[in-house]
Every structure is written in C-alpha cells, then in structure tokens.
Protein backbone atom coordinates (compact mmCIF):
# COMPACT_ATOMS: atom_id res chain seq x y z
CA MET A 1 14.30 -26.13 -6.95
CA SER A 2 16.16 -22.80 -7.09
CA ALA A 3 15.24 -20.39 -9.93
CA THR A 4 12.68 -22.81 -11.36
CA ILE A 5 8.94 -22.63 -11.80
CA PHE A 6 8.61 -24.32 -8.39
CA ALA A 7 9.65 -21.00 -6.84
CA VAL A 8 6.19 -19.70 -7.72
CA LEU A 9 4.37 -22.44 -5.78
CA PRO A 10 4.63 -21.10 -2.18
CA PRO A 11 2.92 -17.74 -2.84
CA ILE A 12 0.35 -19.41 -5.10
CA ILE A 13 -0.49 -21.93 -2.37
CA ALA A 14 -0.75 -19.21 0.28
CA ILE A 15 -2.91 -16.91 -1.83
CA ALA A 16 -5.19 -19.69 -3.10
CA LEU A 17 -5.76 -21.04 0.42
CA ALA A 18 -6.43 -17.55 1.78
CA LEU A 19 -9.08 -16.89 -0.85
CA ILE A 20 -10.67 -20.35 -0.45
CA THR A 21 -10.59 -20.72 3.34
CA LYS A 22 -10.70 -17.00 4.24
CA GLU A 23 -8.07 -17.79 6.91
CA VAL A 24 -4.98 -15.67 6.34
CA TYR A 25 -2.65 -16.84 9.11
CA SER A 26 -2.88 -20.58 8.43
CA SER A 27 -2.72 -20.06 4.67
CA LEU A 28 0.50 -18.06 4.94
CA LEU A 29 2.05 -20.62 7.28
CA ILE A 30 1.20 -23.47 4.92
CA GLY A 31 2.63 -21.57 1.95
CA ILE A 32 5.83 -20.80 3.86
CA PHE A 33 6.29 -24.38 5.01
CA ALA A 34 5.58 -25.71 1.50
CA GLY A 35 8.36 -23.48 0.18
CA ALA A 36 10.72 -24.60 2.96
CA LEU A 37 9.98 -28.24 2.13
CA LEU A 38 10.79 -27.62 -1.54
CA PHE A 39 14.07 -25.97 -0.58
CA CYS A 40 15.03 -28.69 1.92
CA GLY A 41 14.20 -31.61 -0.33
CA GLY A 42 11.17 -32.68 1.69
CA ASN A 43 12.93 -32.89 5.08
CA PRO A 44 10.35 -31.56 7.60
CA LEU A 45 12.87 -30.89 10.39
CA HIS A 46 15.16 -28.85 8.16
CA ALA A 47 12.12 -27.12 6.68
CA THR A 48 10.97 -26.04 10.15
CA GLU A 49 14.44 -24.76 11.01
CA THR A 50 14.61 -22.89 7.70
CA THR A 51 11.18 -21.34 8.25
CA PHE A 52 12.02 -19.84 11.60
CA SER A 53 15.53 -18.84 10.53
CA ILE A 54 14.02 -16.80 7.70
CA MET A 55 11.34 -15.38 10.01
CA GLY A 56 13.97 -14.22 12.51
CA SER A 57 16.05 -12.66 9.75
CA LYS A 58 13.05 -10.85 8.26
CA ILE A 59 11.99 -9.47 11.64
CA SER A 60 15.53 -8.23 12.17
CA ASP A 61 15.69 -6.62 8.71
CA ASN A 62 12.31 -4.93 9.12
CA ILE A 63 12.44 -4.07 12.81
CA GLY A 64 12.20 -0.36 12.00
CA ILE A 65 8.85 -0.88 10.26
CA LEU A 66 7.55 -2.91 13.21
CA ILE A 67 8.62 -0.24 15.70
CA PHE A 68 6.97 2.40 13.52
CA LEU A 69 3.74 0.41 13.45
CA VAL A 70 3.73 0.07 17.23
CA MET A 71 4.31 3.80 17.76
CA LEU A 72 1.71 4.63 15.15
CA GLY A 73 -0.71 2.33 16.97
CA ILE A 74 0.06 4.20 20.19
CA LEU A 75 -0.59 7.55 18.48
CA VAL A 76 -3.89 6.26 17.10
CA SER A 77 -4.87 5.05 20.57
CA LEU A 78 -3.90 8.42 22.08
CA VAL A 79 -5.97 10.54 19.70
CA THR A 80 -8.90 8.19 20.24
CA LYS A 81 -8.56 8.12 24.03
CA SER A 82 -8.18 11.90 24.15
CA GLY A 83 -11.55 12.37 22.47
CA ALA A 84 -9.94 14.15 19.51
CA SER A 85 -11.17 11.55 16.99
CA ARG A 86 -14.69 11.86 18.38
CA ALA A 87 -14.48 15.66 18.20
CA TYR A 88 -13.33 15.44 14.60
CA GLY A 89 -16.18 13.05 13.84
CA GLU A 90 -18.70 15.42 15.36
CA TRP A 91 -17.21 18.38 13.50
CA ALA A 92 -17.11 16.46 10.23
CA SER A 93 -20.72 15.36 10.75
CA HIS A 94 -21.77 19.00 10.74
CA VAL A 95 -19.56 19.96 7.80
CA ILE A 96 -20.08 16.81 5.70
CA LYS A 97 -23.76 16.60 4.84
CA SER A 98 -23.94 13.55 2.60
CA ARG A 99 -22.61 10.08 1.91
CA ARG A 100 -20.88 11.43 -1.19
CA GLY A 101 -19.21 14.11 0.91
CA SER A 102 -17.89 11.52 3.38
CA LEU A 103 -16.44 9.46 0.53
CA LEU A 104 -14.77 12.46 -1.10
CA ALA A 105 -13.37 13.65 2.22
CA THR A 106 -11.86 10.21 2.80
CA SER A 107 -10.34 10.18 -0.68
CA PHE A 108 -8.84 13.66 -0.33
CA LEU A 109 -7.36 12.85 3.07
CA GLY A 110 -5.79 9.71 1.61
CA MET A 111 -4.25 11.74 -1.20
CA PHE A 112 -2.99 14.36 1.26
CA ILE A 113 -1.03 11.86 3.38
CA PHE A 114 1.52 10.94 0.72
CA VAL A 115 4.66 10.44 2.83
CA ASP A 116 4.22 6.72 3.45
CA ASP A 117 1.54 4.12 2.70
CA TYR A 118 1.69 2.55 6.19
CA PHE A 119 1.03 5.90 7.82
CA ASN A 120 -1.65 6.64 5.21
CA CYS A 121 -3.60 3.42 5.75
CA LEU A 122 -3.81 3.61 9.53
CA THR A 123 -4.36 7.36 9.87
CA VAL A 124 -7.10 7.74 7.25
CA GLY A 125 -9.04 4.80 8.66
CA THR A 126 -8.86 6.07 12.22
CA VAL A 127 -9.93 9.59 11.33
CA MET A 128 -12.71 8.80 8.85
CA ARG A 129 -14.37 5.69 10.32
CA PRO A 130 -16.87 7.63 12.48
CA VAL A 131 -17.91 9.78 9.52
CA THR A 132 -18.28 6.96 7.00
CA ASP A 133 -20.13 4.83 9.56
CA LYS A 134 -22.66 7.62 10.00
CA TYR A 135 -23.47 7.55 6.28
CA LYS A 136 -23.54 3.75 6.14
CA VAL A 137 -20.38 3.29 4.09
CA THR A 138 -19.31 -0.32 4.51
CA ARG A 139 -15.90 -1.04 5.99
CA ALA A 140 -14.94 -2.90 2.80
CA LYS A 141 -15.66 0.24 0.78
CA LEU A 142 -13.66 2.32 3.27
CA ALA A 143 -10.76 -0.14 3.04
CA TYR A 144 -10.82 0.13 -0.77
CA ILE A 145 -10.69 3.93 -0.63
CA ILE A 146 -7.78 3.76 1.82
CA ASP A 147 -5.90 1.21 -0.26
CA ALA A 148 -6.56 2.99 -3.56
CA THR A 149 -5.19 6.26 -2.19
CA ALA A 150 -2.17 4.80 -0.39
CA ALA A 151 0.32 3.12 -2.75
CA PRO A 152 -1.03 4.87 -5.91
CA VAL A 153 -0.44 8.27 -4.27
CA CYS A 154 2.95 7.33 -2.80
CA ILE A 155 4.24 6.00 -6.14
CA ILE A 156 3.65 9.35 -7.87
CA ALA A 157 4.74 11.57 -4.95
CA PRO A 158 8.38 12.75 -5.19
CA ILE A 159 8.54 13.18 -1.41
CA SER A 160 7.73 9.71 -0.14
CA SER A 161 9.35 6.52 1.07
CA TRP A 162 8.34 4.88 -2.22
CA ALA A 163 10.27 7.42 -4.29
CA ALA A 164 13.34 6.55 -2.24
CA ALA A 165 12.76 2.82 -2.78
CA VAL A 166 12.46 3.23 -6.56
CA THR A 167 15.52 5.45 -6.74
CA SER A 168 17.62 2.95 -4.81
CA SER A 169 16.60 0.12 -7.19
CA LEU A 170 18.78 1.41 -10.04
CA PRO A 171 22.15 -0.32 -10.49
CA GLU A 172 25.00 1.83 -9.15
CA ASP A 173 26.86 1.61 -12.47
CA ALA A 174 23.84 2.58 -14.59
CA GLY A 175 24.98 6.19 -14.98
CA ILE A 176 21.37 7.36 -14.56
CA ASN A 177 20.03 9.76 -11.93
CA GLY A 178 17.46 7.63 -10.14
CA PHE A 179 15.38 10.48 -8.81
CA THR A 180 15.20 12.17 -12.21
CA LEU A 181 14.11 8.88 -13.79
CA PHE A 182 11.44 8.48 -11.10
CA LEU A 183 10.07 11.96 -11.81
CA SER A 184 9.91 11.22 -15.54
CA THR A 185 7.81 8.07 -14.90
CA ILE A 186 5.05 9.91 -13.01
CA PRO A 187 2.94 10.94 -16.06
CA PHE A 188 3.15 7.40 -17.44
CA ASN A 189 2.28 5.45 -14.30
CA LEU A 190 -1.07 4.51 -15.77
CA TYR A 191 -2.35 2.24 -13.02
CA ALA A 192 -1.74 4.79 -10.26
CA LEU A 193 -3.19 7.73 -12.19
CA LEU A 194 -6.21 5.82 -13.52
CA THR A 195 -6.94 4.31 -10.09
CA LEU A 196 -7.05 7.76 -8.50
CA ALA A 197 -9.28 9.04 -11.31
CA PHE A 198 -11.51 5.96 -11.05
CA ILE A 199 -11.99 6.26 -7.32
CA LEU A 200 -12.94 9.93 -7.63
CA TRP A 201 -15.45 8.91 -10.30
CA LEU A 202 -16.93 6.31 -7.95
CA MET A 203 -17.16 8.85 -5.13
CA ILE A 204 -18.87 11.51 -7.25
CA ALA A 205 -21.27 9.06 -8.89
CA ASP A 206 -21.76 7.28 -5.52
CA VAL A 207 -22.16 3.87 -7.13
CA ASP A 208 -20.58 0.46 -6.81
CA PHE A 209 -20.69 -2.60 -9.02
CA MET A 210 -19.30 -6.12 -9.36
CA ALA A 211 -18.20 -7.70 -6.07
CA MET A 212 -18.23 -4.41 -4.16
CA GLY A 213 -21.80 -3.64 -5.24
CA LYS A 214 -23.06 -7.08 -4.16
CA TYR A 215 -21.21 -6.88 -0.86
CA ASN A 216 -22.51 -3.39 -0.03
CA LYS A 217 -26.07 -4.44 -0.81
CA LYS A 218 -25.79 -7.48 1.47
CA ILE A 219 -24.33 -5.50 4.39
CA LEU A 220 -26.70 -2.55 4.09
CA GLU A 221 -29.74 -4.83 3.93
CA SER A 222 -28.55 -6.56 7.11
CA GLY A 223 -28.35 -3.19 8.92
CA LYS A 224 -24.97 -4.05 10.44
CA ILE A 225 -21.49 -2.51 10.24
CA ASP A 226 -18.99 -5.00 8.83
CA SER A 227 -16.40 -4.22 11.50
CA THR A 228 -13.83 -6.55 13.02
CA GLY A 229 -15.09 -5.37 16.41
CA GLU A 230 -11.68 -4.18 17.60
CA GLU A 231 -12.71 -0.62 18.49
CA SER A 232 -12.43 -0.92 22.25
CA THR A 233 -10.47 2.22 23.20
CA VAL A 234 -12.19 4.06 26.04
CA ILE A 235 -12.46 7.83 25.55
CA CYS A 236 -11.08 9.60 28.62
CA GLY A 237 -10.35 13.16 27.50
CA SER A 238 -12.11 16.16 26.07
CA GLY A 239 -9.83 16.74 23.10
CA SER A 240 -10.83 19.02 20.24
CA VAL A 241 -10.33 18.88 16.49
CA LYS A 242 -6.95 20.62 16.77
CA ASP A 243 -5.79 17.81 19.08
CA LEU A 244 -6.18 15.46 16.15
CA ILE A 245 -5.02 17.64 13.26
CA ILE A 246 -1.91 19.14 14.86
CA PRO A 247 -0.31 15.79 15.86
CA ILE A 248 -0.98 14.39 12.37
CA LEU A 249 0.55 17.44 10.69
CA PHE A 250 3.50 17.25 13.06
CA LEU A 251 3.94 13.57 12.21
CA ILE A 252 4.03 14.37 8.47
CA VAL A 253 6.57 17.15 8.94
CA ALA A 254 8.65 15.03 11.33
CA CYS A 255 8.74 12.06 8.92
CA ILE A 256 9.76 14.26 5.97
CA SER A 257 12.43 15.96 8.10
CA ALA A 258 13.71 12.59 9.30
CA MET A 259 13.94 11.32 5.71
CA ILE A 260 16.06 14.34 4.79
CA TYR A 261 18.20 13.87 7.91
CA SER A 262 18.78 10.15 7.29
CA GLY A 263 19.66 10.95 3.66
CA GLY A 264 22.53 13.18 4.72
CA GLY A 265 20.67 16.48 5.10
CA ILE A 266 20.40 19.43 2.75
CA HIS A 267 23.49 21.61 2.54
CA GLU A 268 22.01 23.94 -0.05
CA LEU A 269 18.49 24.75 -1.19
CA SER A 270 18.47 23.13 -4.60
CA PHE A 271 16.43 20.48 -6.37
CA GLU A 272 19.46 18.24 -6.71
CA ALA A 273 20.32 18.46 -3.01
CA ILE A 274 16.75 17.65 -1.97
CA SER A 275 16.46 14.78 -4.45
CA ASN A 276 19.77 13.30 -3.27
CA ALA A 277 18.63 13.47 0.36
CA PHE A 278 15.46 11.53 -0.41
CA ALA A 279 17.30 9.10 -2.68
CA ASN A 280 19.82 8.27 0.05
CA CYS A 281 17.44 8.14 3.00
CA SER A 282 16.48 5.10 5.05
CA SER A 283 12.69 5.28 5.05
CA SER A 284 12.22 2.82 7.92
CA ASP A 285 14.68 4.66 10.17
CA ALA A 286 13.08 7.98 9.22
CA LEU A 287 9.59 6.73 10.05
CA VAL A 288 10.78 5.54 13.46
CA LEU A 289 12.39 8.92 14.22
CA GLY A 290 9.38 10.83 12.92
CA SER A 291 6.83 8.78 14.84
CA PHE A 292 8.87 8.96 18.06
CA ALA A 293 9.11 12.75 17.73
CA ALA A 294 5.34 12.87 17.15
CA LEU A 295 4.78 10.73 20.25
CA VAL A 296 6.85 13.12 22.39
CA PHE A 297 5.06 16.09 20.84
CA THR A 298 1.65 14.54 21.58
CA PHE A 299 2.67 13.97 25.20
CA LEU A 300 3.62 17.64 25.54
CA MET A 301 0.37 18.66 23.86
CA TYR A 302 -1.97 16.43 25.88
CA VAL A 303 -0.63 15.91 29.41
CA PRO A 304 0.28 19.49 30.49
CA ARG A 305 -3.11 20.73 29.22
CA GLY A 306 -4.98 18.02 31.11
CA ILE A 307 -6.39 16.36 27.98
CA LEU A 308 -5.04 13.08 29.37
CA THR A 309 -3.41 12.25 32.69
CA PHE A 310 0.05 10.70 32.74
CA SER A 311 -1.37 7.28 33.62
CA GLN A 312 -3.98 7.51 30.82
CA PHE A 313 -1.22 8.45 28.39
CA CYS A 314 0.80 5.39 29.42
CA GLU A 315 -2.24 3.11 29.10
CA SER A 316 -2.23 3.84 25.37
CA PHE A 317 1.12 2.11 25.02
CA THR A 318 -0.33 -1.35 25.56
CA ALA A 319 -3.60 -0.51 23.80
CA GLY A 320 -1.75 0.73 20.71
CA PHE A 321 0.55 -2.29 20.65
CA LYS A 322 -2.40 -4.66 21.02
CA ALA A 323 -4.23 -3.01 18.12
CA MET A 324 -1.22 -3.58 15.85
CA VAL A 325 -0.64 -7.24 16.74
CA PRO A 326 -2.80 -8.73 13.94
CA ALA A 327 -1.16 -6.52 11.30
CA ILE A 328 2.33 -7.22 12.67
CA PHE A 329 1.71 -10.98 12.67
CA ILE A 330 0.42 -11.01 9.09
CA LEU A 331 3.30 -8.78 7.97
CA THR A 332 5.81 -11.11 9.62
CA LEU A 333 4.34 -14.11 7.82
CA ALA A 334 4.20 -12.22 4.51
CA TRP A 335 7.86 -11.20 4.87
CA THR A 336 8.79 -14.82 5.67
CA LEU A 337 6.98 -16.01 2.54
CA SER A 338 8.90 -13.41 0.54
CA GLY A 339 12.10 -14.67 2.19
CA ILE A 340 11.61 -18.29 1.14
CA CYS A 341 11.22 -17.00 -2.43
CA SER A 342 14.37 -14.84 -2.21
CA ASP A 343 17.70 -15.34 -4.00
CA ASP A 344 19.16 -17.35 -1.09
CA TYR A 345 16.38 -19.94 -1.18
CA LEU A 346 13.97 -20.68 -4.04
CA ASN A 347 15.25 -17.68 -6.06
CA LEU A 348 12.05 -16.47 -7.65
CA ARG A 349 14.03 -13.50 -8.92
CA GLY A 350 16.33 -15.81 -10.87
CA PHE A 351 13.35 -17.51 -12.48
CA VAL A 352 11.86 -14.17 -13.53
CA ALA A 353 15.23 -12.84 -14.74
CA GLY A 354 15.65 -15.92 -16.90
CA PHE A 355 12.20 -15.38 -18.34
CA VAL A 356 12.79 -11.71 -19.12
CA ASN A 357 16.28 -10.86 -20.34
CA PRO A 358 17.85 -8.80 -23.10
CA GLU A 359 17.96 -11.77 -25.46
CA SER A 360 14.20 -12.36 -25.10
CA ALA A 361 13.33 -8.70 -25.61
CA ILE A 362 10.51 -8.11 -28.04
CA GLY A 363 11.07 -4.40 -28.35
CA LEU A 364 7.90 -2.43 -28.63
CA PHE A 365 5.85 -4.87 -26.55
CA MET A 366 8.21 -4.67 -23.56
CA PRO A 367 6.29 -2.03 -21.53
CA ALA A 368 3.12 -4.15 -21.62
CA LEU A 369 5.13 -7.31 -20.87
CA PHE A 370 6.94 -5.71 -17.94
CA PHE A 371 3.60 -4.47 -16.61
CA LEU A 372 2.17 -8.01 -16.59
CA ILE A 373 5.28 -9.57 -15.05
CA ALA A 374 5.51 -6.88 -12.37
CA LEU A 375 1.83 -7.38 -11.58
CA GLY A 376 2.23 -11.16 -11.24
CA LEU A 377 5.44 -10.92 -9.23
CA ALA A 378 4.05 -8.34 -6.79
CA PHE A 379 0.84 -10.34 -6.43
CA ALA A 380 2.78 -13.53 -5.67
CA THR A 381 5.27 -11.97 -3.25
CA GLY A 382 3.11 -9.20 -1.76
CA THR A 383 5.83 -6.60 -2.20
CA SER A 384 6.13 -3.71 -4.63
CA TRP A 385 9.58 -2.75 -3.45
CA GLY A 386 10.96 -6.25 -4.06
CA THR A 387 9.44 -6.18 -7.53
CA PHE A 388 11.14 -2.84 -8.27
CA SER A 389 14.52 -4.25 -7.28
CA ILE A 390 14.09 -7.26 -9.57
CA LEU A 391 12.73 -5.68 -12.74
CA ILE A 392 14.18 -2.16 -12.93
CA PRO A 393 17.79 -3.37 -13.37
CA ILE A 394 16.57 -5.69 -16.14
CA ALA A 395 14.82 -2.79 -17.88
CA VAL A 396 18.00 -0.68 -17.62
CA SER A 397 20.09 -3.48 -19.13
CA ILE A 398 17.66 -3.77 -22.06
CA PHE A 399 17.05 -0.13 -22.95
CA GLY A 400 19.78 2.00 -21.41
CA ALA A 401 18.90 5.68 -21.02
CA ASN A 402 16.17 6.52 -23.55
CA GLU A 403 12.44 7.22 -23.79
CA MET A 404 11.54 3.53 -23.85
CA LEU A 405 13.35 3.07 -20.52
CA THR A 406 11.11 5.70 -18.93
CA ILE A 407 7.94 4.03 -20.28
CA THR A 408 9.11 0.54 -19.28
CA VAL A 409 10.14 1.58 -15.75
CA ALA A 410 6.77 3.33 -15.40
CA ALA A 411 5.13 0.05 -16.47
CA CYS A 412 7.20 -1.81 -13.84
CA LEU A 413 6.06 0.59 -11.13
CA ALA A 414 2.43 0.48 -12.28
CA GLY A 415 2.37 -3.31 -12.42
CA ALA A 416 4.07 -3.61 -9.04
CA VAL A 417 1.53 -1.28 -7.41
CA CYS A 418 -1.34 -3.17 -9.03
CA GLY A 419 -0.03 -6.57 -7.93
CA ASP A 420 0.59 -5.23 -4.43
CA HIS A 421 -2.90 -3.73 -4.47
CA ILE A 422 -4.68 -7.05 -5.11
CA SER A 423 -2.41 -9.39 -3.16
CA PRO A 424 -3.86 -10.79 0.08
CA ILE A 425 -0.34 -10.99 1.53
CA SER A 426 0.64 -7.40 0.68
CA ASP A 427 1.55 -5.25 3.69
CA THR A 428 -0.39 -2.27 2.29
CA THR A 429 -3.49 -4.40 1.70
CA ILE A 430 -3.21 -5.81 5.21
CA LEU A 431 -2.86 -2.36 6.76
CA ALA A 432 -5.77 -0.97 4.73
CA SER A 433 -7.93 -3.67 6.31
CA ALA A 434 -6.51 -2.81 9.72
CA GLY A 435 -7.09 0.92 9.21
CA ALA A 436 -10.72 0.38 8.19
CA GLN A 437 -11.11 -2.40 10.79
CA CYS A 438 -12.55 -4.54 8.02
CA HIS A 439 -12.25 -8.31 7.70
CA HIS A 440 -9.19 -8.79 5.50
CA ILE A 441 -10.62 -11.29 3.02
CA ASP A 442 -13.73 -9.11 2.55
CA HIS A 443 -11.45 -6.24 1.57
CA VAL A 444 -9.40 -8.35 -0.83
CA SER A 445 -12.35 -10.02 -2.54
CA THR A 446 -14.22 -6.75 -3.13
CA GLN A 447 -11.14 -4.83 -4.26
CA ILE A 448 -9.76 -7.29 -6.83
CA PRO A 449 -12.42 -6.77 -9.57
CA TYR A 450 -11.98 -2.98 -9.47
CA ALA A 451 -8.19 -3.26 -9.53
CA LEU A 452 -8.12 -5.79 -12.38
CA SER A 453 -10.45 -3.60 -14.45
CA ILE A 454 -8.01 -0.69 -14.22
CA ALA A 455 -5.13 -3.12 -14.82
CA ALA A 456 -6.68 -4.26 -18.10
CA ILE A 457 -7.05 -0.64 -19.24
CA SER A 458 -3.46 0.10 -18.19
CA PHE A 459 -2.22 -2.92 -20.15
CA VAL A 460 -3.83 -1.58 -23.34
CA GLY A 461 -2.32 1.82 -22.60
CA TYR A 462 1.17 0.30 -22.34
CA LEU A 463 0.65 -1.61 -25.58
CA VAL A 464 -0.11 1.69 -27.30
CA ALA A 465 2.79 3.45 -25.54
CA GLY A 466 5.22 0.74 -26.63
CA LEU A 467 4.04 0.52 -30.21
CA SER A 468 4.05 4.29 -30.63
CA GLN A 469 7.14 4.75 -28.42
CA ASN A 470 5.18 7.61 -26.84
CA GLY A 471 4.07 7.49 -23.23
CA TRP A 472 1.61 10.35 -23.70
CA ALA A 473 -0.25 8.35 -26.37
CA GLY A 474 -0.61 5.47 -23.92
CA LEU A 475 -1.88 7.83 -21.22
CA ALA A 476 -4.44 9.34 -23.60
CA VAL A 477 -5.76 5.93 -24.69
CA GLY A 478 -5.90 4.72 -21.07
CA ALA A 479 -7.83 7.82 -19.99
CA VAL A 480 -10.37 7.44 -22.80
CA LEU A 481 -10.90 3.74 -22.05
CA MET A 482 -11.28 4.46 -18.34
CA VAL A 483 -13.98 7.08 -19.00
CA ILE A 484 -15.85 4.68 -21.31
CA TYR A 485 -15.59 1.83 -18.82
CA ALA A 486 -16.67 3.94 -15.82
CA THR A 487 -19.58 5.45 -17.75
CA VAL A 488 -20.91 2.09 -18.95
CA MET A 489 -20.56 0.39 -15.56
CA THR A 490 -22.13 3.35 -13.73
CA ARG A 491 -25.19 3.27 -15.99
CA MET A 492 -25.52 -0.48 -15.55
CA ALA A 493 -25.24 -0.16 -11.77
CA LYS A 494 -27.91 2.54 -11.61
CA LYS A 495 -30.27 0.49 -13.79
CA GLU A 496 -29.70 -2.50 -11.52
CA ALA A 497 -30.43 -0.38 -8.45
CA GLN A 498 -33.78 0.75 -9.93
CA LYS A 499 -35.06 -2.82 -10.35
C-alpha cells in the first residue's frame, strides 16, 4: 500500500467523517486506524500497535509545540484572571464604537502578531472576544478572522517560524539561498495576499455571504453567542490595559530573540547574518524559551504589585493546561494521521512525487498545477510545513534557479496555506477555533466557501503567471478578479439583507 493511491484514504476518511458527523476526535481516530490497517495488511492487533507507536513518536517530535501551548494557555489564564483582559475590553469598548471597528481591530491585531500562527490564534481570540461579543460578532466569524490573519500573515513575514520552515525545506545541495528565495516569493503568494485583502474588504463592507452569511443570520436571530462555553476563568485581580499589552509585547520580543539565539545568534548587524539566524533556528525550541521568559516576566509584573497573589498565580497553571487539552488532543491525533501517511508507512509523499516529477512537467502550467497539488496535500494531511518539504525540492529539481522557480515555489506556499486553512485536521484551524472558543466544525464549514473562492482566483492568477512567465502579471489578474468577485458578492448580500 506504500506510495499508492491508498495513501490518500486515511485523511479522506477522517475529513469526510468529521464533516458528516461533526465529531472530530472519533473521525480522526477512525482515519488513523484505517491507515494503520492498510499498512498492516488488515491485522487489527498490529494496526493498534502501529497507531500508538506513531502517536508516541509524534508527541516526542513535537513536544516543544505542546509545551509552548501549555505555557501559552497559562499566560492566557493569567491575563484573564488578573483582570487585564476585562480592562482591555472595557477600554476597547470606549475606543471602538461600532461593529465594523471591532472587526477591523481584530484583523489588525492578527496582522500585527506575525511571529507564529499558534501564538497568533490564541492571543487574538483571548484579547478580542469581549469586544466582538459586545457587537454581536459570531464566534465563527471571529474564528475566520483569526485564521485568515494567522498563516497568511506568517507566510509573508520574513521574521516568523514559517519563514524558517520554508527556508529549511530547500535541498542542501540546491546551491540556492533559502531565505532569499522566500523573500522573492512574497509578492507572488497570491492566496495569502488576496485573503488579507478580502478579509479587510469584508470588515469595511461589514457583510457576509454563502455559508458564513447563513450561519450569522441563524445565530443572531437566536440571540445567543455560539461559544463552546469554556470561559470559566474567575477574575481575581484589578489589572489594567498595560498588564495585558506589556506581557504580549514581551512575548513577541522574547520569541524573536529566542529564534535568533537558537539559530546561532547574530555576530554582525547585516541582512545576511539575520537571515541565516532565522533560517537555522528551531522554531519550537524558540517558542518554548520565549513563552517561558514571558511567564517569568508576567510573574514579576503581577505578583510583586499585588495584581495576583502567589497562590492565584499558581492556580493559573492548571487552568491554562485544562484550557489547552482539547487543542492538544486534536493536534496529537492530527499529527498521528500525518504520521501514518509519512514515508515510513503509507508514503503519501512518494505517491505525490511520482505524480509530479521532472518527466511529467508541463512547463508553463506548473505553477497552477503545484498550487492545486499543494492545496490537496495540505488539506489531506493538515500540515503546510509537511507540504513545503515535499513539493519545494521537486520544484527545485524541475526549474533550478530561475524566475519560474520563484513563481512555482510561491504557488506551493500559497496552495499549502490554502489547504491548511480549510482542513479540519489542520493545527492552525484547530487553534483558531480554540482561540475564538467556537465549535470547530462550525468554523470549518463557514470558512471553506470563502477560502475556496480566493483559491479559485489564485489558481487563475497562477495560470496567467505561468503562461506569461511573469509573477506580477498573475498578481495583477488575481487582484482584479478579487475586486470583481468581492464587489458582486457584496451587492448580492446587501440586496438579500434588504428582503
């Protein structure tokens, strides 16, 4: 079953069941076990052993991310318990005077936190939930804003964990500077750029359509907040706005500093030295160091000033861990599903590599083709980073170092972000739901139509870019199509609302 079309079955089973049953945990488990059965020739005992062997390995490989999530959960619990989140909500309620203002503020905050998508998802949701709730923004809409300004921002930010992941995906013998190639792809990452433009359009126009429009109408007519009901942190302190903003800013600075440190440091102030540090960094280790430093900093900021007592500070440890358990469990299952599809088992990569190789290259259509394959692969596996590692070396082997390589790698990154964006088993999608405290399937089902619309426009843009061998031409066509699409759909939505 290795490197055959059967390697696609486990993620398809998991995703289909999740969308049909709206039960994520059981769907992932069934998909994982189905893959293990395929690998073990139908032997249920060996399949069970294989499943938990992969799960243990994936937890070990990603332990840094899990520790980071726990510490981030503790930080979120601390700023909530201290009263700082409430103070920010009250301040924002006076400054932000409209629903449109709350949406724009959420979008801008998401774009500002560009260091890492995990940090982005959880922080933006925690900070903005009180404000968006006040103006009756549904949690599904909040989750979409968070998700649409997490990975799309990180994939075009030179200083981010994603930039490091892309840079490290290049073969060592390629003779290409990975960070320089990443920078050159930024203007041609159509999905990321058009998604950010589209979401700003939605915020300014304050409209929704398709699945999101129907969902918002149903929730608003019911008069309820579509929350998961997990907001149980008791406010104990009298923290102010600065008690929220300063720890977040410190966390950003600490994570960036830790990335530079883990990448070998900067021995001279030059672009090359900085780019090498980020290219060589371990993002998971850096996030752990940065979040731990922020936790110590928050202790020194809260306890000596009497914002929280020592015992109240310690209570946030268990509260923060508890809040992260659902996300950690789903992430563990998603990683296990990715593991059963890895090279050592069903070898989904081998199947894709056999489908796209230098001999099957069709030249000018390759950017659009790579976009579609990256989208499908990221959707099926729930990982952008894994998709990068599979497709970028193939693109390098086909094109070498030329303009078409830049466009094709940009298409790989765009497709991977899009597939990750719409996948129910994607870690970023899962954490966007957790950050907004929205039911996960509600977030996925309302987000997919928006994401696929931008994906279709991006596909046309990459067709034009490939045929013209000019990335700027593709960007121009994509931008024009996006404006036409957004204008038409906005007018239709407003006419529907007037009926």
